[in-house]
Amino acid sequence: MKKGLSLGAGGVKGFVHLGVLQYLYEQEIKFDLVSGSSIGSIMGAMYALGFTPSKMMSECIKIGFSDVQKLIGYRFVKNGLSGLIDQLLGGKSFEDTLIPFKAVAVNMFTGEQKNFSTGNLGVATACSSAIPPYLRPVKIEEGTFVDGAFIDSVPADVVKEMGADKILSVNLSYASPFNYSNKSYLDKLYPKNKVERADVTYQCYTYSDVIIEPDLKRYKAFGFKGFEEMFDIGYEEAKKNKDKLEIFR
C-alpha cells in the first residue's frame, strides 16, 4: 500500500503542518508520496528530503522563514522568494528527495495548473507560493507562475495521481483562502490572465481518506502570529485524529 500525504496552502498557518508532522513522527507513521500547495509545498519539500519536524523548525528559525514580514520583504530582493527557499532547502533538487514529491503552481497567464516534479526545489516551491501582491509571481523559462492555492489548495488529487492508495490531507482552511466571487483574484490584479475560479479546497474530500482540518478561521494567512502557536494547534489536531490515522500504519 502506498501512502500519500497532501499539505495544503495557508500562509503562516502552514506551520500547523509542522505540528501534524511531529505527531506523525512520534507515532512512526511514514508516507511514500507527498504533494503540496503554497506553504504546503515548502513543508512537503522538506519532508520529502528527509527533514525531521524538529529540523524543519530549526531551519525555518535560522533563516527567519517564520518572520512573515521578512518573507513578504523578499519580493524586493533579486532572487526573491526562490532564493530564500533555496537556502532553506540547501539548494536541493527533486532528484535529491527520498520520496516522490510534487509542488502545485498556476501559470498566471494561461490558468493552467503546473505540478512541478523536476528541477530546483527552491524555484518550484517559490512558484507554488507566490501570492500577489504579497509575493510577486515567479518568472522562469516555462512561464510565469503564482500560488497553487488559486487552483488546487489541498492537492490530494495530485498525490492520488502519483499512485497513492491511502491519502492523508492537511487542510488549513474551510474555504478558499481567497474569498472572491466569480472572477479570480488574479483577474482583478492581472486582467490578461485566464484563471477561472474553482472549488480549490473541497475537492480534497473526494480523494482523501483522512483529513486533518483544524479550526483556523480566527487566524489570517498573513497574520503575524508566532509559528509556535500554529505548531501546537497542528500537533493537538493530529492527536485528536489518532484512531483515524491507524490506517496509515
Protein backbone atom coordinates (compact mmCIF):
# COMPACT_ATOMS: atom_id res chain seq x y z
CA MET A 1 0.00 0.00 0.00
CA LYS A 2 1.35 3.40 -0.98
CA LYS A 3 0.55 6.15 1.50
CA GLY A 4 0.16 9.71 0.24
CA LEU A 5 0.40 13.00 2.13
CA SER A 6 -1.12 16.24 0.83
CA LEU A 7 -0.22 19.51 2.56
CA GLY A 8 -2.48 22.48 1.94
CA ALA A 9 -1.97 26.20 1.47
CA GLY A 10 -2.43 28.77 4.21
CA GLY A 11 0.41 31.27 4.57
CA VAL A 12 1.74 31.48 8.11
CA LYS A 13 -0.89 28.93 9.10
CA GLY A 14 1.32 26.45 7.27
CA PHE A 15 3.33 26.00 10.44
CA VAL A 16 0.39 23.86 11.55
CA HIS A 17 1.89 21.27 9.20
CA LEU A 18 4.95 21.01 11.43
CA GLY A 19 2.83 20.11 14.43
CA VAL A 20 0.99 17.46 12.44
CA LEU A 21 4.26 16.05 11.13
CA GLN A 22 5.73 15.99 14.63
CA TYR A 23 2.85 13.86 15.87
CA LEU A 24 3.16 11.53 12.88
CA TYR A 25 6.90 11.27 13.52
CA GLU A 26 6.33 10.29 17.14
CA GLN A 27 3.81 7.67 16.04
CA GLU A 28 6.27 6.36 13.43
CA ILE A 29 3.78 6.93 10.62
CA LYS A 30 5.59 7.49 7.34
CA PHE A 31 4.43 8.34 3.84
CA ASP A 32 5.58 7.19 0.42
CA LEU A 33 4.38 10.13 -1.68
CA VAL A 34 3.79 13.81 -0.95
CA SER A 35 2.20 16.79 -2.68
CA GLY A 36 1.87 20.38 -1.54
CA SER A 37 0.48 23.74 -2.48
CA SER A 38 1.91 27.10 -1.40
CA ILE A 39 3.37 26.82 2.13
CA GLY A 40 2.37 23.17 1.95
CA SER A 41 4.78 22.70 -0.94
CA ILE A 42 7.65 24.12 1.11
CA MET A 43 6.90 21.88 4.08
CA GLY A 44 6.33 18.98 1.68
CA ALA A 45 9.71 19.52 0.05
CA MET A 46 11.46 19.41 3.42
CA TYR A 47 9.57 16.25 4.33
CA ALA A 48 10.47 14.61 1.02
CA LEU A 49 14.13 15.48 1.61
CA GLY A 50 14.02 13.60 4.90
CA PHE A 51 13.98 16.55 7.29
CA THR A 52 12.61 15.68 10.71
CA PRO A 53 9.98 18.09 12.07
CA SER A 54 12.49 19.44 14.58
CA LYS A 55 14.99 20.10 11.79
CA MET A 56 12.27 21.82 9.77
CA MET A 57 11.61 24.13 12.70
CA SER A 58 15.25 24.89 13.36
CA GLU A 59 15.96 25.63 9.70
CA CYS A 60 12.92 27.92 9.44
CA ILE A 61 14.06 29.81 12.52
CA LYS A 62 17.66 30.01 11.33
CA ILE A 63 16.85 31.85 8.12
CA GLY A 64 13.96 33.83 9.57
CA PHE A 65 11.38 31.99 7.49
CA SER A 66 8.87 32.21 10.34
CA ASP A 67 9.03 36.01 10.10
CA VAL A 68 6.18 36.86 7.74
CA GLN A 69 7.26 40.47 7.41
CA LYS A 70 10.70 39.36 6.28
CA LEU A 71 9.14 36.85 3.91
CA ILE A 72 7.00 39.49 2.26
CA GLY A 73 10.03 41.75 2.03
CA TYR A 74 11.77 39.20 -0.17
CA ARG A 75 9.67 40.29 -3.15
CA PHE A 76 12.12 43.17 -3.50
CA VAL A 77 15.27 41.02 -3.42
CA LYS A 78 16.99 39.96 -6.65
CA ASN A 79 16.40 36.22 -6.29
CA GLY A 80 13.26 36.82 -4.27
CA LEU A 81 11.37 34.04 -2.59
CA SER A 82 13.10 31.29 -4.59
CA GLY A 83 16.46 32.36 -3.19
CA LEU A 84 15.19 32.25 0.38
CA ILE A 85 13.57 28.85 -0.04
CA ASP A 86 16.61 27.53 -1.89
CA GLN A 87 18.64 28.47 1.18
CA LEU A 88 16.11 26.71 3.40
CA LEU A 89 16.28 23.55 1.29
CA GLY A 90 20.04 23.58 0.91
CA GLY A 91 19.99 24.07 -2.87
CA LYS A 92 18.43 20.65 -3.39
CA SER A 93 16.51 19.44 -6.43
CA PHE A 94 13.63 16.99 -6.89
CA GLU A 95 16.22 14.37 -7.75
CA ASP A 96 17.54 14.65 -4.18
CA THR A 97 14.25 13.76 -2.50
CA LEU A 98 13.90 10.45 -0.68
CA ILE A 99 10.29 10.03 -1.77
CA PRO A 100 8.37 11.35 -4.81
CA PHE A 101 7.12 14.91 -4.37
CA LYS A 102 5.13 17.38 -6.46
CA ALA A 103 4.58 21.12 -5.93
CA VAL A 104 1.45 22.73 -7.37
CA ALA A 105 1.53 26.14 -9.08
CA VAL A 106 -0.56 28.03 -11.63
CA ASN A 107 0.55 29.68 -14.85
CA MET A 108 -0.57 33.25 -14.32
CA PHE A 109 -1.42 33.92 -17.96
CA THR A 110 -2.85 30.59 -19.17
CA GLY A 111 -4.53 29.49 -15.95
CA GLU A 112 -3.06 26.02 -16.34
CA GLN A 113 -2.04 24.00 -13.33
CA LYS A 114 1.61 23.00 -13.19
CA ASN A 115 2.68 20.14 -10.96
CA PHE A 116 6.43 20.53 -10.60
CA SER A 117 8.36 17.28 -10.23
CA THR A 118 11.80 18.07 -11.67
CA GLY A 119 14.42 20.77 -11.28
CA ASN A 120 15.35 23.01 -8.38
CA LEU A 121 13.09 22.68 -5.35
CA GLY A 122 13.54 26.30 -4.32
CA VAL A 123 12.29 27.57 -7.67
CA ALA A 124 9.38 25.12 -7.83
CA THR A 125 8.14 25.82 -4.32
CA ALA A 126 8.54 29.57 -4.85
CA CYS A 127 6.30 29.25 -7.92
CA SER A 128 3.82 27.38 -5.75
CA SER A 129 3.94 30.03 -3.01
CA ALA A 130 3.87 33.34 -4.88
CA ILE A 131 0.75 35.16 -3.67
CA PRO A 132 0.43 38.54 -5.37
CA PRO A 133 0.54 41.25 -4.19
CA TYR A 134 2.37 39.94 -1.11
CA LEU A 135 4.88 37.88 -3.07
CA ARG A 136 5.46 38.62 -6.73
CA PRO A 137 4.92 35.98 -9.44
CA VAL A 138 7.92 33.83 -10.31
CA LYS A 139 9.06 34.04 -13.92
CA ILE A 140 11.01 31.10 -15.31
CA GLU A 141 11.60 29.68 -18.78
CA GLU A 142 8.38 27.66 -18.67
CA GLY A 143 6.21 30.67 -17.81
CA THR A 144 5.16 32.99 -15.00
CA PHE A 145 3.74 31.19 -12.01
CA VAL A 146 1.72 32.03 -8.91
CA ASP A 147 0.43 30.29 -5.83
CA GLY A 148 -1.04 26.84 -6.33
CA ALA A 149 -3.84 27.72 -3.92
CA PHE A 150 -5.53 29.69 -6.68
CA ILE A 151 -6.50 26.41 -8.32
CA ASP A 152 -5.69 23.45 -6.04
CA SER A 153 -5.33 24.45 -2.41
CA VAL A 154 -5.09 20.93 -0.98
CA PRO A 155 -3.70 18.78 -3.82
CA ALA A 156 -4.92 15.37 -2.73
CA ASP A 157 -5.83 14.73 -6.36
CA VAL A 158 -2.18 15.19 -7.31
CA VAL A 159 -0.86 12.65 -4.81
CA LYS A 160 -3.63 10.29 -5.92
CA GLU A 161 -2.38 10.57 -9.50
CA MET A 162 1.10 9.82 -8.18
CA GLY A 163 -0.16 6.41 -7.10
CA ALA A 164 -1.31 6.78 -3.51
CA ASP A 165 -3.74 4.15 -2.22
CA LYS A 166 -4.48 5.92 1.06
CA ILE A 167 -4.25 9.69 1.46
CA LEU A 168 -3.91 11.99 4.46
CA SER A 169 -4.61 15.65 3.75
CA VAL A 170 -3.97 18.63 5.98
CA ASN A 171 -6.45 21.37 5.12
CA LEU A 172 -5.74 24.75 6.71
CA SER A 173 -8.89 26.47 5.51
CA TYR A 174 -12.58 25.63 5.49
CA ALA A 175 -12.85 27.58 2.27
CA SER A 176 -10.54 29.10 -0.31
CA PRO A 177 -8.06 31.50 1.30
CA PHE A 178 -9.04 33.89 -1.48
CA ASN A 179 -12.57 34.94 -0.71
CA TYR A 180 -13.74 36.35 -4.01
CA SER A 181 -16.71 35.89 -6.30
CA ASN A 182 -16.83 34.56 -9.87
CA LYS A 183 -13.69 36.31 -11.10
CA SER A 184 -10.48 35.14 -9.57
CA TYR A 185 -8.18 37.38 -7.58
CA LEU A 186 -5.72 37.15 -10.43
CA ASP A 187 -8.30 38.51 -12.86
CA LYS A 188 -8.52 41.63 -10.73
CA LEU A 189 -4.76 42.05 -10.40
CA TYR A 190 -3.77 40.89 -13.87
CA PRO A 191 -6.57 41.30 -16.44
CA LYS A 192 -4.69 39.25 -19.09
CA ASN A 193 -4.75 36.03 -17.12
CA LYS A 194 -7.35 33.35 -17.73
CA VAL A 195 -7.50 31.61 -14.39
CA GLU A 196 -11.06 30.52 -13.66
CA ARG A 197 -12.50 30.22 -10.19
CA ALA A 198 -12.98 26.71 -8.94
CA ASP A 199 -13.64 24.99 -5.66
CA VAL A 200 -9.98 24.93 -4.73
CA THR A 201 -10.29 23.32 -1.32
CA TYR A 202 -13.21 20.95 -1.08
CA GLN A 203 -12.06 18.68 -3.89
CA CYS A 204 -9.65 17.19 -1.36
CA TYR A 205 -12.65 15.41 0.16
CA THR A 206 -13.03 13.35 -2.99
CA TYR A 207 -9.55 11.86 -2.73
CA SER A 208 -8.60 11.91 0.96
CA ASP A 209 -9.14 9.05 3.36
CA VAL A 210 -8.37 11.19 6.41
CA ILE A 211 -8.40 14.99 6.61
CA ILE A 212 -6.82 16.93 9.45
CA GLU A 213 -8.65 20.23 9.45
CA PRO A 214 -8.13 22.47 12.48
CA ASP A 215 -10.44 25.40 13.04
CA LEU A 216 -8.25 28.31 11.95
CA LYS A 217 -10.95 30.79 10.98
CA ARG A 218 -9.78 33.28 13.57
CA TYR A 219 -6.29 33.33 12.05
CA LYS A 220 -5.17 35.09 8.89
CA ALA A 221 -2.91 33.56 6.26
CA PHE A 222 -0.69 36.61 6.56
CA GLY A 223 -1.29 37.38 10.18
CA PHE A 224 1.65 37.85 12.49
CA LYS A 225 1.06 35.06 14.99
CA GLY A 226 4.04 33.10 16.23
CA PHE A 227 4.58 29.85 14.43
CA GLU A 228 4.94 28.05 17.78
CA GLU A 229 1.23 28.56 18.31
CA MET A 230 0.48 27.11 14.89
CA PHE A 231 2.71 24.13 15.68
CA ASP A 232 0.77 23.37 18.87
CA ILE A 233 -2.54 23.56 17.03
CA GLY A 234 -1.34 21.09 14.40
CA TYR A 235 0.02 18.66 16.96
CA GLU A 236 -3.17 18.62 19.03
CA GLU A 237 -5.40 18.27 15.97
CA ALA A 238 -3.38 15.30 14.73
CA LYS A 239 -3.59 13.76 18.19
CA LYS A 240 -7.39 14.09 18.09
CA ASN A 241 -7.35 12.01 14.91
CA LYS A 242 -5.20 9.25 16.41
CA ASP A 243 -7.67 6.44 15.71
CA LYS A 244 -8.28 7.51 12.11
CA LEU A 245 -4.55 7.69 11.45
CA GLU A 246 -4.15 3.98 12.22
CA ILE A 247 -4.94 3.17 8.57
CA PHE A 248 -1.56 4.62 7.62
CA ARG A 249 0.45 2.12 9.64
